[in-house]
Protein backbone atom coordinates (compact mmCIF):
# COMPACT_ATOMS: atom_id res chain seq x y z
CA MET A 1 -55.34 17.05 12.67
CA SER A 2 -51.51 16.90 12.88
CA TRP A 3 -49.90 16.51 16.29
CA PHE A 4 -47.34 19.20 15.48
CA LYS A 5 -48.01 22.68 14.20
CA ARG A 6 -45.39 25.35 13.51
CA LYS A 7 -46.63 28.71 14.74
CA ASP A 8 -43.89 30.79 13.13
CA LYS A 9 -42.95 30.36 9.51
CA GLY A 10 -39.33 30.19 8.44
CA ILE A 11 -36.19 29.55 10.45
CA GLN A 12 -35.83 31.98 13.30
CA THR A 13 -32.30 31.05 14.50
CA PRO A 14 -29.97 34.08 14.17
CA THR A 15 -26.78 33.53 12.15
CA GLU A 16 -24.45 33.95 15.14
CA ALA A 17 -26.33 31.19 17.03
CA LYS A 18 -26.03 28.59 14.25
CA LYS A 19 -23.70 25.66 14.88
CA GLU A 20 -21.88 23.76 12.15
CA ALA A 21 -20.12 20.42 12.36
CA PRO A 22 -16.35 21.00 12.54
CA ASP A 23 -14.20 19.88 9.62
CA GLY A 24 -12.72 16.40 9.88
CA LEU A 25 -15.46 15.03 12.15
CA TRP A 26 -16.70 12.49 9.59
CA PHE A 27 -14.93 10.24 7.09
CA LYS A 28 -16.53 9.10 3.83
CA THR A 29 -15.31 5.88 2.21
CA PRO A 30 -15.16 5.45 -1.61
CA SER A 31 -18.35 3.35 -1.43
CA GLY A 32 -20.17 6.25 0.26
CA LYS A 33 -20.29 4.98 3.85
CA ILE A 34 -20.03 7.68 6.53
CA VAL A 35 -17.99 6.96 9.66
CA HIS A 36 -17.25 9.16 12.67
CA THR A 37 -13.49 9.82 12.84
CA ARG A 38 -13.38 8.70 16.49
CA GLU A 39 -14.94 5.36 15.56
CA LEU A 40 -12.55 5.08 12.61
CA LYS A 41 -9.53 5.63 14.87
CA ASN A 42 -10.78 3.11 17.44
CA ASN A 43 -11.12 0.58 14.60
CA ALA A 44 -7.48 0.90 13.41
CA TYR A 45 -8.61 3.38 10.72
CA VAL A 46 -10.73 0.72 9.02
CA SER A 47 -14.37 1.49 8.17
CA PRO A 48 -16.61 -0.87 10.17
CA GLU A 49 -19.29 -0.45 7.50
CA ASP A 50 -17.42 -1.77 4.45
CA GLY A 51 -13.91 -2.69 5.63
CA TYR A 52 -12.25 0.14 3.71
CA HIS A 53 -8.69 0.76 4.92
CA ALA A 54 -8.08 4.51 5.13
CA ARG A 55 -4.61 5.74 4.19
CA ILE A 56 -2.59 6.46 7.31
CA GLY A 57 1.01 7.42 8.04
CA SER A 58 3.81 6.52 10.42
CA LYS A 59 2.17 8.23 13.40
CA GLU A 60 -0.91 6.01 13.16
CA TYR A 61 1.01 2.79 12.39
CA PHE A 62 3.29 3.36 15.37
CA GLU A 63 0.21 3.88 17.57
CA ILE A 64 -1.29 0.61 16.31
CA LEU A 65 1.85 -1.54 16.49
CA PHE A 66 4.09 -0.40 19.34
CA ASP A 67 2.93 -1.45 22.81
CA ASN A 68 1.36 1.57 24.55
CA ASN A 69 2.70 3.70 21.67
CA LYS A 70 6.15 3.64 23.31
CA PHE A 71 9.15 3.60 20.98
CA THR A 72 12.56 5.17 20.39
CA GLU A 73 12.88 6.94 17.05
CA LEU A 74 16.08 6.53 15.03
CA ASP A 75 17.71 9.47 13.19
CA PRO A 76 14.71 11.79 13.70
CA GLU A 77 16.50 14.93 12.45
CA MET A 78 17.95 13.61 9.18
CA GLU A 79 17.03 15.87 6.22
CA SER A 80 17.59 15.91 2.46
CA ALA A 81 20.41 17.94 0.92
CA ASP A 82 20.37 19.27 -2.65
CA PRO A 83 23.49 17.87 -4.36
CA LEU A 84 22.00 18.25 -7.86
CA LYS A 85 20.75 21.85 -7.34
CA PHE A 86 17.41 20.68 -8.73
CA THR A 87 14.66 23.16 -9.63
CA ASP A 88 11.26 22.50 -11.17
CA SER A 89 8.42 24.89 -10.30
CA LYS A 90 10.45 25.76 -7.20
CA PRO A 91 13.96 24.91 -5.87
CA TYR A 92 14.17 21.49 -4.23
CA PRO A 93 15.25 22.87 -0.79
CA ASP A 94 12.19 25.16 -0.82
CA ARG A 95 9.93 22.22 -1.65
CA ILE A 96 11.44 20.20 1.21
CA LYS A 97 10.95 23.04 3.71
CA ALA A 98 7.36 23.65 2.58
CA THR A 99 6.50 19.95 2.86
CA GLN A 100 8.14 19.72 6.29
CA ALA A 101 6.04 22.66 7.50
CA LYS A 102 2.85 21.16 6.05
CA THR A 103 3.32 17.58 7.31
CA ASP A 104 5.46 18.05 10.45
CA LEU A 105 7.76 15.35 9.03
CA LYS A 106 11.47 15.55 8.19
CA ASP A 107 11.22 13.20 5.19
CA ALA A 108 9.16 10.35 3.73
CA VAL A 109 10.13 7.64 6.25
CA ARG A 110 10.36 7.32 10.03
CA THR A 111 12.24 4.53 11.77
CA ALA A 112 11.97 3.39 15.38
CA HIS A 113 12.45 0.43 17.71
CA GLY A 114 10.28 -0.78 20.56
CA LYS A 115 8.03 -3.64 21.66
CA LEU A 116 5.24 -5.34 19.68
CA ASN A 117 3.21 -7.61 21.97
CA GLY A 118 6.32 -7.79 24.16
CA LEU A 119 8.63 -8.70 21.24
CA ASP A 120 11.55 -6.44 20.29
CA ILE A 121 11.23 -5.03 16.76
CA THR A 122 12.56 -2.30 14.48
CA ILE A 123 9.97 -0.63 12.22
CA ALA A 124 10.48 1.65 9.21
CA CYS A 125 7.27 3.29 7.99
CA MET A 126 6.84 5.51 4.93
CA ASP A 127 4.62 8.61 4.79
CA PHE A 128 2.83 9.24 1.49
CA ASN A 129 2.02 12.82 2.52
CA PHE A 130 5.70 13.72 2.13
CA ILE A 131 6.19 14.24 -1.63
CA GLY A 132 4.20 11.12 -2.42
CA GLY A 133 6.31 8.93 -0.13
CA SER A 134 9.06 9.22 -2.72
CA MET A 135 12.36 7.45 -2.08
CA GLY A 136 15.34 9.80 -1.89
CA SER A 137 18.74 9.60 -0.21
CA VAL A 138 17.32 10.21 3.28
CA VAL A 139 14.74 7.43 2.87
CA GLY A 140 17.42 4.98 1.74
CA GLU A 141 19.86 5.99 4.48
CA LYS A 142 17.29 5.83 7.29
CA ILE A 143 16.13 2.38 6.18
CA ALA A 144 19.75 1.21 5.91
CA ARG A 145 20.50 2.47 9.43
CA ALA A 146 17.34 0.85 10.79
CA ILE A 147 18.49 -2.46 9.29
CA ASP A 148 21.90 -1.89 10.89
CA TYR A 149 20.15 -1.49 14.25
CA SER A 150 18.30 -4.78 13.73
CA LEU A 151 21.59 -6.46 12.82
CA LYS A 152 23.34 -5.06 15.89
CA GLU A 153 20.55 -5.97 18.32
CA LYS A 154 19.53 -9.16 16.46
CA ILE A 155 15.86 -8.20 16.37
CA PRO A 156 13.26 -8.50 13.55
CA PHE A 157 12.78 -5.73 11.00
CA LEU A 158 9.39 -4.58 9.64
CA MET A 159 9.15 -2.34 6.57
CA ILE A 160 5.84 -0.58 5.91
CA SER A 161 5.89 0.70 2.32
CA LYS A 162 3.65 3.44 0.93
CA SER A 163 5.27 5.21 -2.00
CA GLY A 164 5.01 6.56 -5.51
CA GLY A 165 8.57 5.38 -6.21
CA ALA A 166 11.91 7.12 -6.67
CA ARG A 167 12.22 10.88 -6.02
CA MET A 168 12.85 12.59 -9.35
CA MET A 169 14.53 15.61 -7.69
CA GLU A 170 17.43 13.34 -6.71
CA ALA A 171 17.62 11.44 -10.04
CA GLY A 172 20.35 8.75 -10.00
CA LEU A 173 21.04 9.26 -6.29
CA SER A 174 17.48 8.17 -5.62
CA LEU A 175 17.85 5.01 -7.73
CA MET A 176 21.02 4.11 -5.83
CA GLN A 177 18.89 3.62 -2.72
CA MET A 178 17.34 0.53 -4.33
CA ALA A 179 20.73 -1.19 -4.39
CA LYS A 180 21.79 0.10 -0.98
CA THR A 181 18.68 -1.09 0.85
CA SER A 182 18.68 -4.43 -1.01
CA ALA A 183 22.32 -5.03 -0.02
CA LYS A 184 21.53 -4.27 3.62
CA LEU A 185 18.60 -6.70 3.54
CA ALA A 186 20.94 -9.38 2.17
CA LEU A 187 23.05 -8.92 5.32
CA LEU A 188 19.90 -9.31 7.41
CA SER A 189 19.13 -12.55 5.58
CA GLU A 190 22.68 -13.87 6.09
CA ALA A 191 22.34 -13.18 9.81
CA ARG A 192 19.02 -15.10 9.79
CA ILE A 193 17.14 -12.13 11.26
CA PRO A 194 13.45 -11.98 10.23
CA TYR A 195 12.35 -9.33 7.73
CA ILE A 196 8.64 -8.74 7.12
CA SER A 197 7.50 -6.40 4.34
CA LEU A 198 4.03 -4.83 4.58
CA LEU A 199 2.80 -3.25 1.34
CA THR A 200 0.10 -0.61 1.79
CA ASP A 201 -1.82 1.65 -0.57
CA PRO A 202 -0.03 2.61 -2.81
CA THR A 203 3.31 0.78 -3.24
CA THR A 204 4.79 1.43 -6.67
CA GLY A 205 7.92 2.16 -8.71
CA GLY A 206 11.43 1.66 -7.36
CA VAL A 207 10.14 0.79 -3.90
CA THR A 208 8.22 -2.21 -5.29
CA ALA A 209 11.31 -3.11 -7.35
CA SER A 210 13.55 -3.22 -4.27
CA TYR A 211 12.95 -3.61 -0.54
CA ALA A 212 9.13 -3.90 -0.64
CA MET A 213 9.30 -7.29 -2.37
CA LEU A 214 12.31 -8.78 -0.53
CA GLY A 215 10.70 -9.86 2.74
CA ASP A 216 10.81 -13.29 4.31
CA PHE A 217 7.08 -12.64 4.23
CA ASN A 218 5.55 -10.13 1.81
CA ILE A 219 2.12 -9.16 3.09
CA ALA A 220 -0.37 -6.43 2.18
CA GLU A 221 -3.48 -4.63 3.31
CA PRO A 222 -6.79 -5.31 1.50
CA GLY A 223 -7.31 -3.30 -1.67
CA ALA A 224 -3.79 -1.80 -1.71
CA LEU A 225 -2.47 -0.66 -5.10
CA ILE A 226 0.75 -2.60 -5.76
CA GLY A 227 2.75 -2.37 -8.97
CA PHE A 228 5.76 -0.96 -10.77
CA ALA A 229 4.57 1.22 -13.66
CA GLY A 230 1.08 2.74 -13.76
CA PRO A 231 -1.80 0.96 -15.52
CA ARG A 232 -1.95 3.56 -18.32
CA VAL A 233 1.75 3.13 -19.16
CA ILE A 234 1.42 -0.67 -19.21
CA ARG A 235 -1.74 -0.57 -21.32
CA GLU A 236 -0.11 1.70 -23.89
CA THR A 237 3.05 -0.45 -23.93
CA ILE A 238 1.39 -3.83 -24.48
CA GLY A 239 -1.54 -2.48 -26.48
CA LYS A 240 -4.13 -4.49 -24.55
CA ASP A 241 -6.80 -3.83 -21.95
CA LEU A 242 -5.78 -4.88 -18.43
CA PRO A 243 -7.71 -7.42 -16.31
CA LYS A 244 -10.22 -6.20 -13.75
CA GLY A 245 -8.58 -5.44 -10.41
CA PHE A 246 -5.13 -5.28 -12.01
CA GLN A 247 -2.46 -4.21 -9.46
CA SER A 248 -4.76 -4.64 -6.47
CA ALA A 249 -3.40 -6.60 -3.50
CA GLU A 250 -5.89 -9.36 -4.24
CA PHE A 251 -4.72 -9.65 -7.88
CA VAL A 252 -1.06 -9.65 -6.84
CA LEU A 253 -1.75 -12.35 -4.21
CA GLU A 254 -3.54 -14.52 -6.79
CA HIS A 255 -0.49 -14.31 -9.06
CA GLY A 256 1.98 -15.35 -6.36
CA PHE A 257 3.73 -12.10 -5.43
CA LEU A 258 2.31 -11.94 -1.89
CA ASP A 259 2.16 -14.45 0.95
CA PHE A 260 -1.14 -13.20 2.35
CA ILE A 261 -3.38 -10.19 2.89
CA VAL A 262 -4.00 -9.00 6.44
CA ASP A 263 -6.77 -6.81 7.82
CA ARG A 264 -5.20 -3.89 9.71
CA ARG A 265 -7.32 -4.72 12.76
CA ASN A 266 -5.51 -8.07 12.99
CA LEU A 267 -2.10 -6.77 11.93
CA LYS A 268 -0.42 -6.63 15.34
CA SER A 269 -1.43 -10.17 16.33
CA LYS A 270 -0.49 -11.57 12.89
CA LEU A 271 2.94 -9.94 13.05
CA SER A 272 3.67 -11.34 16.50
CA VAL A 273 2.74 -14.85 15.27
CA LEU A 274 5.03 -14.44 12.23
CA ILE A 275 7.93 -13.19 14.34
CA LYS A 276 7.62 -16.13 16.73
CA MET A 277 7.58 -18.51 13.74
CA LEU A 278 10.69 -16.96 12.19
CA GLN A 279 12.81 -16.60 15.33
């Protein structure tokens, strides 16, 4: 005889009394592990089950890196213009306004200065949610001004890259940002001020070909996609199959383009050690 017996058949709960889990309460990693979003946040947005690093933006990186999440943002109101009068499926200004409303960001990078474990630092962090983290005139100018601030105050500069590359809506003006940011970083080098470049998932195109690879230390998060052109383009160009793990942070490290890979949970402590070494 069973210890439990249902007297009434079927589910008796009325529809209005049913409770559903709210959206965004759980996070599923690519390997299928389920993590509560609160636990994920408390673990620097890294899955404790399999170590998967969830994609995050400037808001989360600033929370992780700046002491007590206190910082002063630089050029927070800078927005893109439309010098080329570009239109694809919609006019470029309309696309900018729609993306700003959706993401609550002004453009694809935020810059700020504050303290990291008591050390003064300037941080520029890209946001992939803003038109794929694409590099336009505003991105280049904000990074250049952040470098200027580091030069003026003689404090280290950290660049957190997460981008699909140059912004096609700004064409040649976008590509000019590669030269502008690289020239500013050369001034930082001449002044012997530390520059650390953190490559996160994904870092590609003109960003990889400029400031992302010019650090005194080039470091990356585990599993980050790092490359210039996409795997399909390369495969079709060379006519050969690509190695397993091609363009992963681990592959790039093995071939000498990175100094080391750092778990996001250890990022703040690793950065403070690097800064002390370089100063």
